[in-house]
């Protein structure tokens, strides 16, 4: 499962991490956001993606 949120939303990131999600790399984040979400480039820059189970990029 993938979850996207604002990079500045520390409380949200901590919540997801407590529930087994892990941040994906910045490079993979951009690829995932462009593949699964329809959002502007500025929002991609200001977002993070977390994965559960942790995403190894393979």
N, C-alpha and C. Protein backbone atom coordinates (compact mmCIF):
# COMPACT_ATOMS: atom_id res chain seq x y z
N UNK A 1 0.85 -1.16 0.00
CA UNK A 1 0.00 0.00 0.00
C UNK A 1 0.90 1.23 0.00
N UNK A 2 0.52 2.20 -0.78
CA UNK A 2 1.24 3.46 -0.86
C UNK A 2 0.37 4.58 -0.30
N UNK A 3 1.02 5.51 0.40
CA UNK A 3 0.33 6.68 0.94
C UNK A 3 1.17 7.90 0.59
N UNK A 4 0.53 8.94 0.10
CA UNK A 4 1.20 10.20 -0.16
C UNK A 4 0.73 11.25 0.82
N UNK A 5 1.65 12.09 1.25
CA UNK A 5 1.29 13.20 2.14
C UNK A 5 2.29 14.33 1.93
N UNK A 6 2.00 15.47 2.52
CA UNK A 6 2.93 16.60 2.44
C UNK A 6 4.18 16.29 3.23
N UNK A 7 5.33 16.66 2.71
CA UNK A 7 6.60 16.45 3.41
C UNK A 7 6.64 17.21 4.73
N UNK A 8 5.95 18.33 4.81
CA UNK A 8 5.94 19.14 6.03
C UNK A 8 4.98 18.60 7.09
N UNK A 9 4.19 17.59 6.76
CA UNK A 9 3.22 17.03 7.71
C UNK A 9 3.90 15.98 8.57
N UNK A 10 4.80 16.45 9.44
CA UNK A 10 5.56 15.54 10.29
C UNK A 10 4.66 14.61 11.09
N UNK A 11 3.56 15.14 11.60
CA UNK A 11 2.64 14.33 12.41
C UNK A 11 2.06 13.18 11.58
N UNK A 12 1.77 13.42 10.30
CA UNK A 12 1.21 12.37 9.45
C UNK A 12 2.27 11.32 9.14
N UNK A 13 3.48 11.76 8.85
CA UNK A 13 4.57 10.83 8.57
C UNK A 13 4.83 9.95 9.79
N UNK A 14 4.88 10.54 10.98
CA UNK A 14 5.08 9.75 12.20
C UNK A 14 3.96 8.75 12.41
N UNK A 15 2.72 9.15 12.14
CA UNK A 15 1.57 8.26 12.27
C UNK A 15 1.75 7.04 11.38
N UNK A 16 2.05 7.27 10.10
CA UNK A 16 2.21 6.15 9.18
C UNK A 16 3.40 5.29 9.55
N UNK A 17 4.50 5.89 9.98
CA UNK A 17 5.67 5.10 10.38
C UNK A 17 5.35 4.22 11.59
N UNK A 18 4.55 4.72 12.52
CA UNK A 18 4.14 3.91 13.67
C UNK A 18 3.32 2.70 13.24
N UNK A 19 2.72 2.79 12.07
CA UNK A 19 1.87 1.71 11.57
C UNK A 19 2.56 0.90 10.47
N UNK A 20 3.88 0.92 10.44
CA UNK A 20 4.64 0.04 9.56
C UNK A 20 5.02 0.60 8.21
N UNK A 21 4.63 1.83 7.91
CA UNK A 21 5.00 2.44 6.63
C UNK A 21 6.41 2.99 6.71
N UNK A 22 7.10 3.01 5.58
CA UNK A 22 8.43 3.58 5.49
C UNK A 22 8.51 4.50 4.29
N UNK A 23 9.28 5.58 4.43
CA UNK A 23 9.46 6.52 3.33
C UNK A 23 10.19 5.84 2.18
N UNK A 24 9.76 6.13 0.96
CA UNK A 24 10.50 5.66 -0.21
C UNK A 24 11.51 6.74 -0.59
N UNK A 25 12.49 6.37 -1.39
CA UNK A 25 13.53 7.34 -1.78
C UNK A 25 12.90 8.49 -2.57
N UNK A 26 13.54 9.66 -2.55
CA UNK A 26 13.01 10.80 -3.30
C UNK A 26 12.85 10.51 -4.80
N UNK A 27 13.77 9.76 -5.37
CA UNK A 27 13.68 9.45 -6.80
C UNK A 27 12.48 8.55 -7.08
N UNK A 28 12.32 7.53 -6.25
CA UNK A 28 11.20 6.59 -6.43
C UNK A 28 9.88 7.29 -6.13
N UNK A 29 9.89 8.20 -5.15
CA UNK A 29 8.70 8.97 -4.80
C UNK A 29 8.14 9.68 -6.03
N UNK A 30 9.00 10.36 -6.75
CA UNK A 30 8.56 11.11 -7.94
C UNK A 30 7.96 10.17 -8.97
N UNK A 31 8.61 9.05 -9.20
CA UNK A 31 8.09 8.08 -10.16
C UNK A 31 6.72 7.56 -9.72
N UNK A 32 6.58 7.22 -8.46
CA UNK A 32 5.30 6.70 -7.96
C UNK A 32 4.20 7.75 -8.03
N UNK A 33 4.51 8.99 -7.63
CA UNK A 33 3.50 10.04 -7.68
C UNK A 33 3.03 10.31 -9.11
N UNK A 34 3.95 10.28 -10.05
CA UNK A 34 3.57 10.50 -11.45
C UNK A 34 2.77 9.33 -12.02
N UNK A 35 3.00 8.13 -11.49
CA UNK A 35 2.31 6.94 -11.99
C UNK A 35 0.90 6.81 -11.41
N UNK A 36 0.76 7.02 -10.09
CA UNK A 36 -0.49 6.70 -9.42
C UNK A 36 -1.34 7.90 -9.01
N UNK A 37 -0.81 9.09 -9.09
CA UNK A 37 -1.57 10.29 -8.73
C UNK A 37 -1.52 11.28 -9.88
N UNK A 38 -2.52 12.13 -9.96
CA UNK A 38 -2.52 13.21 -10.93
C UNK A 38 -2.44 14.51 -10.14
N UNK A 39 -1.21 14.98 -9.97
CA UNK A 39 -0.97 16.18 -9.18
C UNK A 39 0.08 17.04 -9.88
N UNK A 40 0.07 18.34 -9.64
CA UNK A 40 1.05 19.23 -10.28
C UNK A 40 2.47 18.98 -9.77
N UNK A 41 3.44 19.39 -10.58
CA UNK A 41 4.86 19.22 -10.23
C UNK A 41 5.19 19.85 -8.89
N UNK A 42 4.65 21.01 -8.60
CA UNK A 42 4.93 21.68 -7.32
C UNK A 42 4.47 20.82 -6.15
N UNK A 43 3.36 20.15 -6.29
CA UNK A 43 2.87 19.27 -5.22
C UNK A 43 3.77 18.04 -5.08
N UNK A 44 4.27 17.54 -6.20
CA UNK A 44 5.20 16.41 -6.15
C UNK A 44 6.44 16.81 -5.35
N UNK A 45 6.96 18.01 -5.60
CA UNK A 45 8.14 18.49 -4.89
C UNK A 45 7.91 18.57 -3.38
N UNK A 46 6.69 18.89 -2.98
CA UNK A 46 6.38 19.11 -1.57
C UNK A 46 5.77 17.89 -0.88
N UNK A 47 5.82 16.74 -1.55
CA UNK A 47 5.20 15.53 -1.02
C UNK A 47 6.21 14.44 -0.74
N UNK A 48 5.77 13.46 0.05
CA UNK A 48 6.51 12.23 0.27
C UNK A 48 5.56 11.07 0.02
N UNK A 49 6.14 9.91 -0.20
CA UNK A 49 5.36 8.68 -0.33
C UNK A 49 5.90 7.69 0.69
N UNK A 50 4.97 7.03 1.37
CA UNK A 50 5.33 5.98 2.31
C UNK A 50 4.71 4.68 1.82
N UNK A 51 5.37 3.57 2.12
CA UNK A 51 4.91 2.26 1.64
C UNK A 51 4.84 1.27 2.80
N UNK A 52 3.86 0.40 2.75
CA UNK A 52 3.73 -0.70 3.70
C UNK A 52 3.18 -1.90 2.96
N UNK A 53 3.95 -2.98 2.83
CA UNK A 53 5.27 -3.15 3.42
C UNK A 53 6.29 -2.22 2.79
N UNK A 54 7.42 -2.02 3.48
CA UNK A 54 8.45 -1.13 2.92
C UNK A 54 8.77 -1.48 1.49
N UNK A 55 8.94 -0.46 0.68
CA UNK A 55 9.13 -0.61 -0.76
C UNK A 55 10.61 -0.66 -1.09
N UNK A 56 11.05 -1.75 -1.71
CA UNK A 56 12.47 -1.88 -2.01
C UNK A 56 12.83 -1.42 -3.41
N UNK A 57 11.83 -1.05 -4.20
CA UNK A 57 12.09 -0.55 -5.54
C UNK A 57 12.30 -1.62 -6.59
N UNK A 58 12.23 -2.89 -6.19
CA UNK A 58 12.45 -3.97 -7.17
C UNK A 58 11.22 -4.20 -8.01
